[in-house]
Amino acid sequence: MLRIHFTADDLARTRVATTIGAAAETYYSLEMLSRRSLAAPFQRWRATVAGRLPQAARPLTVLLPGRGPGLDLLALAGDSPDIDEAVDALLRAPRARVRRELEAVAFDPAHSSWARSVAEGDAEARARLATALAACHRVTVGPYWAAAHARLDAVRAQYARTFLEHGVEGLLTSLCPPLVRWRPPVLEVRHPRPVDVHLGGRGLVLAPTVFSWRELSLLYDPFDDASVPRLTVPAVTGPANGSALWHGGNGTTAGEALGALLGRTRAAALRVTADGCGTAELAARLRVTPAAASQHAKALRGAGLITTSRRGGSVLHVATALGRELLGGGWRAAGDDVPS
């Protein structure tokens, strides 16, 4: 069990990040790819990317440990969502920090000499590692990053709503059950071994991650008392919010993926509500009766994909953050054709 101890100052300084960054997500994706079995939401992703990693990616893939914690690429490459910025940060990372991170990882003995050359500051080895990071990202994360980032934004928005309605303790209480339990002033997180971390007034950053499934990690530098620990929290929680992520790179368009998930007409209804519409307009755009349009809106509302508000004698249907996430930026502009 991981036990994170809060003070009143820590609660006041707890915040939510949008992402742990392109570099850390890439490393997490490699860890996930190396597992023998995967949860259903990630199986389609692995079927698409398996066997596609180029030789240039090998310097990073061999740094996956056989056991224990892996590299903290958040500490080495920062939290930028842009992989080029992350690569530049990795190339500029202080030698002492790189050495400290690599020394804490139990690498396969066959690759210990390579890890040692990176840790000791060999410039060519560092450059090869940076090139490998970019090569891995292009295959495992890059084709899906736009949809993944939309999912992360939606999770962050959900956290923000919970915070506004119930405060920071309400947010901690709602965080990823049953893996997490808030027992004031301690946040208990399922963990393979007992660890106690005292935040000491620094606060905590909650960071949703795409490439994790039913496990959380606390990322922090034990040698830097000023660094704020980050708790990674899975953003993919089931097949529904996982299936929208993997349409990239395999010949399936966002619209086709959404249609397969919701049905063509209901997917079209969600696209129409992206800019807001009434029931009469929805019916006209879908070419269905107002009663049928109302039923589609009711189903979408029940799934949390749209909200409906009354304005005088009419109603307004608007896609929620989750609905816009499923659309993934691929909805049609007003006036485009929709299925009959």
Protein backbone atom coordinates (compact mmCIF):
# COMPACT_ATOMS: atom_id res chain seq x y z
CA MET A 1 0.00 0.00 0.00
CA LEU A 2 1.24 3.48 -0.92
CA ARG A 3 0.23 5.98 1.76
CA ILE A 4 0.43 9.67 0.79
CA HIS A 5 0.23 11.93 3.83
CA PHE A 6 -1.39 15.37 3.42
CA THR A 7 -1.28 18.50 5.54
CA ALA A 8 -3.70 21.40 5.18
CA ASP A 9 -1.11 23.14 2.98
CA ASP A 10 -0.87 20.04 0.77
CA LEU A 11 -4.64 19.99 0.25
CA ALA A 12 -4.55 23.66 -0.69
CA ARG A 13 -1.76 23.04 -3.20
CA THR A 14 -3.19 19.94 -4.86
CA ARG A 15 -3.87 20.51 -8.56
CA VAL A 16 -4.53 18.62 -11.79
CA ALA A 17 -2.23 18.47 -14.81
CA THR A 18 -3.42 17.75 -18.34
CA THR A 19 -0.70 15.20 -19.14
CA ILE A 20 2.52 13.64 -17.90
CA GLY A 21 3.95 14.50 -21.31
CA ALA A 22 4.65 12.81 -24.62
CA ALA A 23 7.91 11.25 -23.43
CA ALA A 24 6.51 9.59 -20.31
CA GLU A 25 3.41 8.38 -22.19
CA THR A 26 5.71 6.84 -24.81
CA TYR A 27 7.65 4.94 -22.15
CA TYR A 28 4.40 3.81 -20.54
CA SER A 29 3.19 2.61 -23.94
CA LEU A 30 6.33 0.46 -24.31
CA GLU A 31 5.77 -1.03 -20.86
CA MET A 32 2.22 -1.85 -21.87
CA LEU A 33 3.30 -3.30 -25.21
CA SER A 34 5.73 -5.66 -23.45
CA ARG A 35 3.03 -7.26 -21.26
CA ARG A 36 1.85 -10.77 -21.98
CA SER A 37 -1.82 -9.83 -21.78
CA LEU A 38 -3.69 -6.57 -22.12
CA ALA A 39 -7.08 -5.34 -20.99
CA ALA A 40 -9.75 -5.12 -23.68
CA PRO A 41 -9.51 -1.32 -24.22
CA PHE A 42 -5.89 -1.68 -25.42
CA GLN A 43 -6.03 -4.85 -27.50
CA ARG A 44 -6.90 -3.05 -30.72
CA TRP A 45 -4.00 -0.65 -30.17
CA ARG A 46 -1.51 -3.48 -29.65
CA ALA A 47 -2.79 -5.37 -32.69
CA THR A 48 -2.05 -2.25 -34.74
CA VAL A 49 1.41 -1.35 -33.41
CA ALA A 50 2.87 -4.78 -32.58
CA GLY A 51 5.89 -5.56 -34.73
CA ARG A 52 6.11 -2.05 -36.16
CA LEU A 53 8.84 -0.61 -33.93
CA PRO A 54 11.90 0.24 -36.05
CA GLN A 55 15.47 -0.70 -35.16
CA ALA A 56 16.10 2.92 -34.16
CA ALA A 57 13.72 2.40 -31.22
CA ARG A 58 15.76 -0.40 -29.68
CA PRO A 59 17.97 1.77 -27.39
CA LEU A 60 14.85 2.74 -25.46
CA THR A 61 13.07 -0.61 -25.55
CA VAL A 62 16.06 -2.40 -23.96
CA LEU A 63 15.84 0.00 -21.01
CA LEU A 64 12.57 -1.59 -19.90
CA PRO A 65 13.38 -3.38 -16.63
CA GLY A 66 12.42 -6.99 -16.08
CA ARG A 67 11.06 -6.07 -12.64
CA GLY A 68 10.58 -3.06 -10.45
CA PRO A 69 10.06 0.58 -11.48
CA GLY A 70 11.15 1.84 -14.87
CA LEU A 71 12.67 5.11 -16.00
CA ASP A 72 10.97 8.33 -14.97
CA LEU A 73 10.97 10.09 -18.33
CA LEU A 74 8.82 12.83 -16.85
CA ALA A 75 11.85 13.81 -14.73
CA LEU A 76 14.26 13.50 -17.66
CA ALA A 77 12.23 14.94 -20.55
CA GLY A 78 9.54 17.09 -18.92
CA ASP A 79 5.79 17.10 -19.39
CA SER A 80 5.50 18.78 -22.79
CA PRO A 81 2.82 17.20 -25.02
CA ASP A 82 5.13 17.88 -27.98
CA ILE A 83 7.60 15.05 -28.61
CA ASP A 84 10.18 17.33 -30.24
CA GLU A 85 10.27 19.50 -27.12
CA ALA A 86 10.53 16.37 -24.99
CA VAL A 87 13.48 15.10 -27.04
CA ASP A 88 15.25 18.45 -26.68
CA ALA A 89 14.65 18.36 -22.91
CA LEU A 90 16.10 14.85 -22.69
CA LEU A 91 19.22 15.96 -24.55
CA ARG A 92 19.64 18.87 -22.11
CA ALA A 93 18.85 16.95 -18.90
CA PRO A 94 21.58 17.35 -16.26
CA ARG A 95 24.02 14.47 -16.22
CA ALA A 96 23.58 13.93 -12.47
CA ARG A 97 19.81 13.52 -12.87
CA VAL A 98 20.21 11.05 -15.74
CA ARG A 99 22.70 9.02 -13.72
CA ARG A 100 20.42 9.03 -10.68
CA GLU A 101 17.42 7.85 -12.69
CA LEU A 102 19.26 5.03 -14.46
CA GLU A 103 20.99 3.80 -11.32
CA ALA A 104 17.58 3.26 -9.69
CA VAL A 105 16.38 0.86 -12.40
CA ALA A 106 17.10 -2.90 -12.42
CA PHE A 107 18.07 -3.40 -16.05
CA ASP A 108 18.62 -6.73 -17.76
CA PRO A 109 22.35 -7.54 -17.24
CA ALA A 110 22.68 -7.96 -21.01
CA HIS A 111 21.98 -4.25 -21.42
CA SER A 112 23.66 -2.87 -18.31
CA SER A 113 26.72 -1.64 -20.22
CA TRP A 114 24.48 0.40 -22.58
CA ALA A 115 22.59 1.86 -19.62
CA ARG A 116 25.89 2.67 -17.94
CA SER A 117 27.16 4.55 -20.99
CA VAL A 118 24.03 6.72 -20.94
CA ALA A 119 24.32 7.24 -17.17
CA GLU A 120 27.97 8.25 -17.43
CA GLY A 121 27.18 11.05 -19.86
CA ASP A 122 28.31 9.61 -23.18
CA ALA A 123 27.01 12.18 -25.69
CA GLU A 124 26.53 9.67 -28.51
CA ALA A 125 24.62 7.31 -26.22
CA ARG A 126 22.36 10.16 -25.06
CA ALA A 127 21.68 11.13 -28.68
CA ARG A 128 20.79 7.53 -29.59
CA LEU A 129 18.40 7.38 -26.64
CA ALA A 130 16.72 10.62 -27.74
CA THR A 131 16.39 9.30 -31.31
CA ALA A 132 14.89 6.08 -29.94
CA LEU A 133 12.33 8.05 -27.93
CA ALA A 134 11.15 9.88 -31.05
CA ALA A 135 11.08 6.63 -33.07
CA CYS A 136 8.95 4.87 -30.44
CA HIS A 137 6.57 7.81 -30.19
CA ARG A 138 5.96 7.83 -33.95
CA VAL A 139 4.60 4.27 -33.77
CA THR A 140 3.01 3.75 -30.36
CA VAL A 141 1.66 7.19 -29.42
CA GLY A 142 1.88 9.71 -32.25
CA PRO A 143 -0.93 8.32 -34.48
CA TYR A 144 -3.32 8.41 -31.52
CA TRP A 145 -2.11 11.49 -29.67
CA ALA A 146 -4.84 13.90 -30.79
CA ALA A 147 -7.61 11.59 -29.56
CA ALA A 148 -5.59 10.71 -26.44
CA HIS A 149 -5.08 14.37 -25.61
CA ALA A 150 -8.82 14.98 -26.00
CA ARG A 151 -9.46 12.16 -23.54
CA LEU A 152 -6.98 13.68 -21.08
CA ASP A 153 -8.69 17.06 -21.41
CA ALA A 154 -12.06 15.44 -20.71
CA VAL A 155 -10.74 13.72 -17.58
CA ARG A 156 -9.20 16.97 -16.36
CA ALA A 157 -12.52 18.75 -16.93
CA GLN A 158 -14.30 16.03 -14.95
CA TYR A 159 -11.83 16.47 -12.08
CA ALA A 160 -12.40 20.23 -12.21
CA ARG A 161 -16.18 19.79 -11.94
CA THR A 162 -15.78 17.46 -8.97
CA PHE A 163 -13.45 19.93 -7.29
CA LEU A 164 -15.84 22.85 -7.81
CA GLU A 165 -18.81 20.89 -6.45
CA HIS A 166 -17.18 18.92 -3.63
CA GLY A 167 -13.75 20.45 -2.94
CA VAL A 168 -10.34 18.83 -3.02
CA GLU A 169 -11.30 16.14 -0.51
CA GLY A 170 -14.31 15.24 -2.64
CA LEU A 171 -11.96 14.92 -5.61
CA LEU A 172 -9.61 12.63 -3.67
CA THR A 173 -12.56 10.56 -2.48
CA SER A 174 -13.80 10.04 -6.05
CA LEU A 175 -10.37 9.22 -7.44
CA CYS A 176 -10.14 5.86 -9.20
CA PRO A 177 -12.02 3.53 -6.81
CA PRO A 178 -11.35 0.82 -5.68
CA LEU A 179 -7.64 1.40 -6.29
CA VAL A 180 -7.60 4.56 -4.18
CA ARG A 181 -9.14 5.36 -0.80
CA TRP A 182 -9.14 8.73 0.91
CA ARG A 183 -8.85 8.32 4.68
CA PRO A 184 -8.09 11.85 5.88
CA PRO A 185 -5.35 12.93 6.01
CA VAL A 186 -3.94 9.96 4.07
CA LEU A 187 -4.55 8.90 0.47
CA GLU A 188 -4.14 5.13 0.24
CA VAL A 189 -3.18 3.73 -3.16
CA ARG A 190 -2.92 0.07 -4.10
CA HIS A 191 0.79 -0.69 -4.37
CA PRO A 192 2.92 -3.86 -4.41
CA ARG A 193 4.85 -2.85 -1.30
CA PRO A 194 4.30 -0.58 1.73
CA VAL A 195 5.52 2.98 1.09
CA ASP A 196 4.81 6.14 3.07
CA VAL A 197 5.31 9.54 1.44
CA HIS A 198 4.89 12.80 3.35
CA LEU A 199 4.16 15.69 1.00
CA GLY A 200 5.46 18.20 3.51
CA GLY A 201 3.52 21.17 2.21
CA ARG A 202 4.49 20.69 -1.45
CA GLY A 203 1.03 19.52 -2.51
CA LEU A 204 0.28 16.87 -5.11
CA VAL A 205 -0.27 16.95 -8.86
CA LEU A 206 -2.87 14.53 -10.21
CA ALA A 207 -1.86 13.57 -13.73
CA PRO A 208 -4.18 11.47 -15.93
CA THR A 209 -2.38 9.03 -18.22
CA VAL A 210 -3.57 7.17 -21.32
CA PHE A 211 -1.21 4.20 -21.33
CA SER A 212 -2.01 2.76 -17.92
CA TRP A 213 -4.73 0.41 -16.76
CA ARG A 214 -5.93 0.07 -13.19
CA GLU A 215 -2.65 1.13 -11.66
CA LEU A 216 -1.31 4.40 -10.32
CA SER A 217 2.28 5.57 -9.87
CA LEU A 218 3.77 8.30 -7.71
CA LEU A 219 6.53 10.12 -9.57
CA TYR A 220 8.84 12.28 -7.48
CA ASP A 221 12.50 13.02 -6.95
CA PRO A 222 13.53 11.95 -3.43
CA PHE A 223 16.67 14.10 -3.78
CA ASP A 224 14.76 17.29 -4.57
CA ASP A 225 12.65 18.55 -1.66
CA ALA A 226 11.17 21.30 -3.83
CA SER A 227 9.79 19.01 -6.55
CA VAL A 228 6.06 18.39 -6.40
CA PRO A 229 5.11 14.67 -6.53
CA ARG A 230 2.79 13.58 -9.33
CA LEU A 231 0.27 10.80 -9.00
CA THR A 232 -0.53 9.23 -12.37
CA VAL A 233 -4.17 8.19 -12.69
CA PRO A 234 -5.57 6.02 -15.54
CA ALA A 235 -7.63 8.04 -18.01
CA VAL A 236 -8.89 4.95 -19.84
CA THR A 237 -11.40 3.26 -17.55
CA GLY A 238 -13.35 0.98 -19.90
CA PRO A 239 -13.98 -0.14 -23.49
CA ALA A 240 -16.23 2.83 -24.27
CA ASN A 241 -13.66 5.55 -23.61
CA GLY A 242 -10.83 3.37 -24.90
CA SER A 243 -12.34 2.48 -28.27
CA ALA A 244 -12.42 6.11 -29.42
CA LEU A 245 -8.63 6.39 -29.17
CA TRP A 246 -7.36 3.83 -31.64
CA HIS A 247 -8.88 4.81 -34.98
CA GLY A 248 -5.65 6.50 -36.11
CA GLY A 249 -3.05 4.69 -38.21
CA ASN A 250 -5.13 1.70 -39.30
CA GLY A 251 -7.33 2.96 -42.11
CA THR A 252 -10.38 3.60 -39.94
CA THR A 253 -11.60 7.17 -39.80
CA ALA A 254 -12.84 8.90 -36.66
CA GLY A 255 -16.35 9.02 -38.13
CA GLU A 256 -16.34 5.28 -38.85
CA ALA A 257 -15.14 4.48 -35.34
CA LEU A 258 -17.80 6.69 -33.81
CA GLY A 259 -20.50 5.19 -36.03
CA ALA A 260 -19.47 1.69 -35.01
CA LEU A 261 -19.68 2.68 -31.36
CA LEU A 262 -22.98 4.60 -31.34
CA GLY A 263 -24.70 3.69 -34.60
CA ARG A 264 -24.59 5.96 -37.67
CA THR A 265 -27.67 8.05 -36.93
CA ARG A 266 -26.89 8.55 -33.25
CA ALA A 267 -23.27 9.41 -34.10
CA ALA A 268 -24.62 11.96 -36.59
CA ALA A 269 -26.89 13.37 -33.86
CA LEU A 270 -23.87 13.84 -31.60
CA ARG A 271 -22.02 15.66 -34.40
CA VAL A 272 -25.01 17.99 -34.93
CA THR A 273 -25.04 18.94 -31.23
CA ALA A 274 -21.37 19.95 -31.29
CA ASP A 275 -22.41 23.55 -32.01
CA GLY A 276 -25.75 23.33 -30.14
CA CYS A 277 -29.19 22.79 -31.67
CA GLY A 278 -32.86 22.42 -30.82
CA THR A 279 -34.94 19.29 -31.29
CA ALA A 280 -36.56 20.60 -34.49
CA GLU A 281 -33.17 21.38 -36.04
CA LEU A 282 -31.82 18.02 -34.92
CA ALA A 283 -34.77 16.26 -36.57
CA ALA A 284 -34.31 18.24 -39.79
CA ARG A 285 -30.56 17.58 -39.95
CA LEU A 286 -31.04 13.85 -39.28
CA ARG A 287 -34.08 13.64 -41.59
CA VAL A 288 -36.15 11.94 -38.86
CA THR A 289 -39.33 12.90 -37.00
CA PRO A 290 -39.09 15.22 -33.98
CA ALA A 291 -40.13 12.29 -31.76
CA ALA A 292 -37.25 10.18 -33.11
CA ALA A 293 -34.82 13.08 -32.68
CA SER A 294 -35.98 13.46 -29.09
CA GLN A 295 -35.31 9.77 -28.45
CA HIS A 296 -31.79 10.04 -29.89
CA ALA A 297 -31.16 13.09 -27.68
CA LYS A 298 -32.46 11.22 -24.63
CA ALA A 299 -30.08 8.30 -25.28
CA LEU A 300 -27.09 10.61 -25.78
CA ARG A 301 -28.01 12.57 -22.66
CA GLY A 302 -28.29 9.37 -20.64
CA ALA A 303 -24.77 8.42 -21.75
CA GLY A 304 -23.43 11.80 -20.63
CA LEU A 305 -22.58 12.84 -24.20
CA ILE A 306 -24.91 15.85 -24.40
CA THR A 307 -26.73 18.21 -22.06
CA THR A 308 -30.21 19.61 -22.64
CA SER A 309 -31.38 22.95 -21.28
CA ARG A 310 -34.72 24.70 -21.70
CA ARG A 311 -34.92 28.20 -23.09
CA GLY A 312 -38.44 29.54 -23.01
CA GLY A 313 -40.59 27.18 -25.02
CA SER A 314 -37.66 25.40 -26.72
CA VAL A 315 -34.71 23.25 -25.70
CA LEU A 316 -31.03 23.39 -26.55
CA HIS A 317 -28.91 20.23 -26.94
CA VAL A 318 -25.12 20.71 -26.60
CA ALA A 319 -22.34 18.09 -26.65
CA THR A 320 -20.51 17.68 -23.34
CA ALA A 321 -16.72 17.49 -22.95
CA LEU A 322 -17.04 13.70 -23.13
CA GLY A 323 -19.15 13.98 -26.28
CA ARG A 324 -16.61 16.30 -27.92
CA GLU A 325 -13.87 13.90 -26.89
CA LEU A 326 -15.60 11.06 -28.75
CA LEU A 327 -15.98 13.32 -31.76
CA GLY A 328 -12.22 13.80 -31.56
CA GLY A 329 -12.24 16.95 -33.68
CA GLY A 330 -13.72 15.03 -36.59
CA TRP A 331 -17.32 16.31 -36.56
CA ARG A 332 -18.80 17.81 -39.69
CA ALA A 333 -19.52 21.47 -40.11
CA ALA A 334 -23.10 22.70 -40.23
CA GLY A 335 -24.75 21.85 -43.52
CA ASP A 336 -22.75 18.67 -44.20
CA ASP A 337 -24.69 15.58 -45.10
CA VAL A 338 -25.76 13.15 -42.42
CA PRO A 339 -27.11 9.61 -42.84
CA SER A 340 -30.77 9.31 -43.77
